[in-house]
Amino acid sequence: MRQEKIWDADAAQRYDTPGTGMFAPGMLEPTVARLAQLAGDGAALEFAIGTGRVAVPLAERGVPVTGIELSVPMVEQLRTKADEATIPVIIGDMATTVAPGTYSLVYLVYNTISNLLTQAEQVECFRNAARHLTPGGRFVIELWVPELRKLPPGQKATVWRTDCDYIGLDTYDVLRQHVVSHHFRYDETEQARLYRSPHRYIWPAELDLMAQLAGFELESRHGDWSGADFTAESRSHVSVYRVPTTP
């Protein structure tokens, strides 16, 4: 499953859910507020900018935002909200594509670094962030914690969400640190639609080592965008890495 085929025009339309899901104010507003605080008076670069879920409200707060995005249909959906002059986007992958200029903040939200399916690509993503940042600049990653504790011996899947019209489950390949997310959507008919996406999961300690290889130091880690403590029971984390101001 190639990422550019997964994030096609249908996925781009399905991704936007104004006011609900990832777009719910309770989820989106703390994200934007924290990123605006970290950007300060500088510019921000979003890896995998998608349809502009975060970039559009961040730009509306006065932060200059540029994006890198692999999926052309996702960018086309973004263009219904903001033009190229408002939010420039470079088409390409987040591990190697270079945007013009330098930034005080690079960010990568909602587990998207896991779309890179090898450890080497994920390390290159950190290095790509570092090459865009000014001294003292920050790289922010939002990422889920692998839920392998829910896997008893012999079981390869976990169900992580059930609604009246949706079931989400993950199947794990623990040898390669791969997981495939399966999204089943259905209605009152007997038919259901299945969407799948592959990922490589990363433990927080492994993420910190990737950061060190790229020259970052861990500045903070919280359980959410509002600053909750990160604990052994946290299902995700927001990690802030910083480029040292001196070599």
Protein backbone atom coordinates (compact mmCIF):
# COMPACT_ATOMS: atom_id res chain seq x y z
CA MET A 1 0.00 0.00 0.00
CA ARG A 2 1.76 3.14 -1.24
CA GLN A 3 1.03 6.27 0.77
CA GLU A 4 0.19 8.39 -2.29
CA LYS A 5 -2.43 5.81 -3.30
CA ILE A 6 -3.91 5.64 0.19
CA TRP A 7 -4.34 9.42 0.38
CA ASP A 8 -6.31 9.78 -2.83
CA ALA A 9 -9.18 12.15 -3.68
CA ASP A 10 -11.71 10.03 -1.80
CA ALA A 11 -9.54 9.98 1.31
CA ALA A 12 -9.01 13.75 1.08
CA GLN A 13 -12.78 14.33 1.04
CA ARG A 14 -13.35 11.84 3.85
CA TYR A 15 -10.57 13.33 5.99
CA ASP A 16 -12.30 16.68 6.58
CA THR A 17 -14.96 16.50 9.30
CA PRO A 18 -15.50 20.15 10.34
CA GLY A 19 -16.42 20.49 14.00
CA THR A 20 -16.16 16.77 14.79
CA GLY A 21 -13.48 14.10 15.19
CA MET A 22 -10.01 15.54 14.69
CA PHE A 23 -11.62 18.88 13.85
CA ALA A 24 -13.52 19.13 17.14
CA PRO A 25 -12.67 22.40 18.93
CA GLY A 26 -11.63 20.53 22.07
CA MET A 27 -8.97 18.68 20.10
CA LEU A 28 -7.92 21.32 17.59
CA GLU A 29 -7.78 24.48 19.71
CA PRO A 30 -5.18 23.24 22.24
CA THR A 31 -3.05 21.97 19.34
CA VAL A 32 -3.05 25.31 17.55
CA ALA A 33 -2.51 27.29 20.75
CA ARG A 34 0.54 25.25 21.74
CA LEU A 35 2.08 25.40 18.26
CA ALA A 36 1.55 29.17 18.08
CA GLN A 37 3.31 29.51 21.43
CA LEU A 38 6.25 27.41 20.26
CA ALA A 39 6.55 29.27 16.94
CA GLY A 40 6.78 32.62 18.72
CA ASP A 41 7.59 35.36 16.24
CA GLY A 42 9.01 32.89 13.69
CA ALA A 43 7.60 30.85 10.82
CA ALA A 44 6.36 27.26 10.97
CA LEU A 45 6.77 24.32 8.61
CA GLU A 46 4.29 21.44 8.73
CA PHE A 47 5.39 18.04 7.49
CA ALA A 48 2.46 16.18 5.87
CA ILE A 49 0.23 19.25 5.96
CA GLY A 50 -2.72 17.32 4.51
CA THR A 51 -5.90 19.32 4.06
CA GLY A 52 -4.77 22.06 6.44
CA ARG A 53 -6.57 20.88 9.57
CA VAL A 54 -3.92 22.53 11.77
CA ALA A 55 -2.17 24.85 9.30
CA VAL A 56 -5.24 26.94 8.42
CA PRO A 57 -6.19 27.95 11.99
CA LEU A 58 -2.50 28.38 12.86
CA ALA A 59 -2.05 30.78 9.93
CA GLU A 60 -5.21 32.60 11.03
CA ARG A 61 -3.45 33.27 14.34
CA GLY A 62 -0.73 35.13 12.46
CA VAL A 63 1.91 32.38 12.22
CA PRO A 64 3.41 32.12 8.70
CA VAL A 65 2.94 28.46 7.71
CA THR A 66 4.51 26.48 4.87
CA GLY A 67 3.75 22.83 4.19
CA ILE A 68 5.24 19.70 2.68
CA GLU A 69 2.75 17.10 1.44
CA LEU A 70 3.02 13.93 -0.64
CA SER A 71 -0.65 13.73 -1.70
CA VAL A 72 -1.81 16.08 -4.44
CA PRO A 73 -5.52 15.45 -3.66
CA MET A 74 -4.94 16.44 -0.04
CA VAL A 75 -3.37 19.71 -1.19
CA GLU A 76 -6.27 20.31 -3.58
CA GLN A 77 -8.63 19.98 -0.62
CA LEU A 78 -6.46 22.44 1.32
CA ARG A 79 -6.75 24.90 -1.56
CA THR A 80 -10.50 25.17 -0.94
CA LYS A 81 -9.56 26.85 2.38
CA ALA A 82 -6.33 28.75 1.70
CA ASP A 83 -4.48 29.76 -1.46
CA GLU A 84 -0.79 29.32 -2.27
CA ALA A 85 0.04 32.86 -1.17
CA THR A 86 -1.47 32.22 2.25
CA ILE A 87 -0.05 28.73 2.85
CA PRO A 88 2.66 27.65 0.35
CA VAL A 89 2.97 23.87 -0.10
CA ILE A 90 5.80 21.86 -1.64
CA ILE A 91 4.82 18.46 -3.06
CA GLY A 92 7.07 15.71 -1.76
CA ASP A 93 7.80 13.36 1.11
CA MET A 94 8.62 14.60 4.60
CA ALA A 95 11.90 12.69 4.88
CA THR A 96 13.74 14.31 1.97
CA THR A 97 11.82 17.28 0.53
CA VAL A 98 13.28 20.70 1.32
CA ALA A 99 11.20 23.86 1.69
CA PRO A 100 12.73 27.28 1.03
CA GLY A 101 13.81 29.39 3.99
CA THR A 102 14.36 28.59 7.66
CA TYR A 103 11.86 28.17 10.48
CA SER A 104 11.58 28.44 14.23
CA LEU A 105 9.16 25.49 14.31
CA VAL A 106 8.68 22.27 12.35
CA TYR A 107 5.77 20.10 13.43
CA LEU A 108 4.33 16.70 12.59
CA VAL A 109 0.96 15.88 14.15
CA TYR A 110 -1.52 13.06 14.61
CA ASN A 111 0.87 10.07 14.35
CA THR A 112 1.97 10.93 10.82
CA ILE A 113 5.65 10.09 11.26
CA SER A 114 4.49 6.45 11.46
CA ASN A 115 3.49 6.67 7.77
CA LEU A 116 7.23 6.28 7.07
CA LEU A 117 7.58 2.53 7.13
CA THR A 118 11.29 2.08 7.94
CA GLN A 119 13.44 3.24 10.81
CA ALA A 120 15.90 4.77 8.33
CA GLU A 121 13.17 6.94 6.78
CA GLN A 122 12.00 8.06 10.20
CA VAL A 123 15.55 9.08 11.15
CA GLU A 124 15.82 11.01 7.87
CA CYS A 125 12.60 12.82 8.80
CA PHE A 126 14.31 14.11 11.95
CA ARG A 127 17.34 15.16 9.92
CA ASN A 128 15.09 16.92 7.43
CA ALA A 129 13.44 18.83 10.27
CA ALA A 130 16.85 19.83 11.65
CA ARG A 131 18.03 21.24 8.31
CA HIS A 132 15.04 23.58 8.20
CA LEU A 133 15.39 24.98 11.73
CA THR A 134 17.24 27.99 13.08
CA PRO A 135 19.44 27.50 16.19
CA GLY A 136 17.12 27.01 19.13
CA GLY A 137 14.29 25.94 16.80
CA ARG A 138 11.90 23.17 17.75
CA PHE A 139 10.55 20.00 16.16
CA VAL A 140 7.21 18.86 17.59
CA ILE A 141 5.83 15.36 17.13
CA GLU A 142 2.43 14.04 18.20
CA LEU A 143 2.49 10.24 18.30
CA TRP A 144 0.55 7.36 19.78
CA VAL A 145 2.06 4.85 22.18
CA PRO A 146 1.98 1.28 20.81
CA GLU A 147 -0.64 -0.72 22.68
CA LEU A 148 1.16 -4.03 22.72
CA ARG A 149 0.16 -4.65 26.33
CA LYS A 150 -3.32 -5.36 24.97
CA LEU A 151 -2.00 -8.23 22.87
CA PRO A 152 -2.17 -11.58 24.72
CA PRO A 153 0.02 -14.41 23.39
CA GLY A 154 -1.16 -15.53 19.97
CA GLN A 155 -3.35 -12.49 19.29
CA LYS A 156 -2.35 -10.08 16.52
CA ALA A 157 -5.10 -7.45 16.62
CA THR A 158 -6.61 -4.89 18.97
CA VAL A 159 -9.92 -3.07 18.63
CA TRP A 160 -9.37 0.57 19.60
CA ARG A 161 -12.72 2.14 18.78
CA THR A 162 -16.33 1.05 18.30
CA ASP A 163 -19.17 3.39 17.35
CA CYS A 164 -22.64 2.84 15.93
CA ASP A 165 -21.27 3.29 12.40
CA TYR A 166 -17.55 2.58 12.79
CA ILE A 167 -15.07 -0.02 14.02
CA GLY A 168 -11.33 0.63 14.17
CA LEU A 169 -8.80 -2.12 14.74
CA ASP A 170 -5.06 -2.56 14.36
CA THR A 171 -3.16 -5.67 13.30
CA TYR A 172 0.45 -5.94 14.47
CA ASP A 173 3.63 -7.41 13.04
CA VAL A 174 5.83 -7.17 16.14
CA LEU A 175 8.95 -8.44 14.35
CA ARG A 176 9.04 -5.44 12.00
CA GLN A 177 7.26 -2.93 14.30
CA HIS A 178 4.54 -2.65 11.68
CA VAL A 179 0.85 -2.11 12.24
CA VAL A 180 -2.02 -1.85 9.77
CA SER A 181 -5.00 0.25 10.84
CA HIS A 182 -8.34 -1.05 9.54
CA HIS A 183 -11.29 1.35 9.43
CA PHE A 184 -14.72 -0.22 8.90
CA ARG A 185 -17.58 2.19 8.16
CA TYR A 186 -21.14 0.96 7.75
CA ASP A 187 -24.77 2.06 7.80
CA GLU A 188 -28.17 0.39 7.99
CA THR A 189 -27.42 -1.73 4.90
CA GLU A 190 -25.51 -5.00 4.97
CA GLN A 191 -22.53 -3.40 3.23
CA ALA A 192 -19.43 -1.93 4.93
CA ARG A 193 -16.50 0.04 3.53
CA LEU A 194 -12.96 -0.80 4.57
CA TYR A 195 -10.00 1.60 4.51
CA ARG A 196 -6.53 0.49 5.55
CA SER A 197 -3.29 2.29 6.25
CA PRO A 198 0.14 0.82 7.13
CA HIS A 199 2.40 2.29 9.79
CA ARG A 200 5.66 1.67 11.62
CA TYR A 201 5.18 2.26 15.32
CA ILE A 202 7.88 3.92 17.42
CA TRP A 203 8.49 3.69 21.15
CA PRO A 204 9.17 7.04 22.90
CA ALA A 205 12.73 6.01 23.80
CA GLU A 206 13.41 5.07 20.17
CA LEU A 207 12.03 8.41 19.06
CA ASP A 208 14.43 10.16 21.45
CA LEU A 209 17.37 8.27 19.95
CA MET A 210 16.31 9.31 16.44
CA ALA A 211 16.27 12.88 17.68
CA GLN A 212 19.79 12.57 19.09
CA LEU A 213 21.08 11.20 15.79
CA ALA A 214 19.75 14.35 14.10
CA GLY A 215 21.28 16.70 16.68
CA PHE A 216 18.18 17.42 18.77
CA GLU A 217 17.69 17.35 22.51
CA LEU A 218 14.38 16.51 24.18
CA GLU A 219 12.88 19.67 25.70
CA SER A 220 9.53 18.34 26.95
CA ARG A 221 7.04 15.50 26.67
CA HIS A 222 3.41 15.65 27.69
CA GLY A 223 0.41 13.38 27.43
CA ASP A 224 -1.55 15.85 25.29
CA TRP A 225 -1.48 19.35 23.79
CA SER A 226 -2.80 20.90 26.99
CA GLY A 227 0.26 19.82 28.96
CA ALA A 228 -1.01 16.77 30.85
CA ASP A 229 1.65 14.59 32.46
CA PHE A 230 3.01 11.78 30.33
CA THR A 231 2.61 8.55 32.30
CA ALA A 232 2.78 4.80 31.79
CA GLU A 233 -0.94 4.88 31.01
CA SER A 234 -0.76 7.64 28.36
CA ARG A 235 -2.03 6.53 24.96
CA SER A 236 -0.13 9.24 23.08
CA HIS A 237 2.37 12.01 23.63
CA VAL A 238 3.42 15.41 22.36
CA SER A 239 7.23 15.58 22.29
CA VAL A 240 9.16 18.80 21.73
CA TYR A 241 12.75 18.52 20.47
CA ARG A 242 15.08 21.50 20.28
CA VAL A 243 18.13 22.35 18.21
CA PRO A 244 20.87 23.51 20.62
CA THR A 245 21.76 27.18 20.33
CA THR A 246 25.47 26.34 20.52
CA PRO A 247 27.35 23.36 19.00
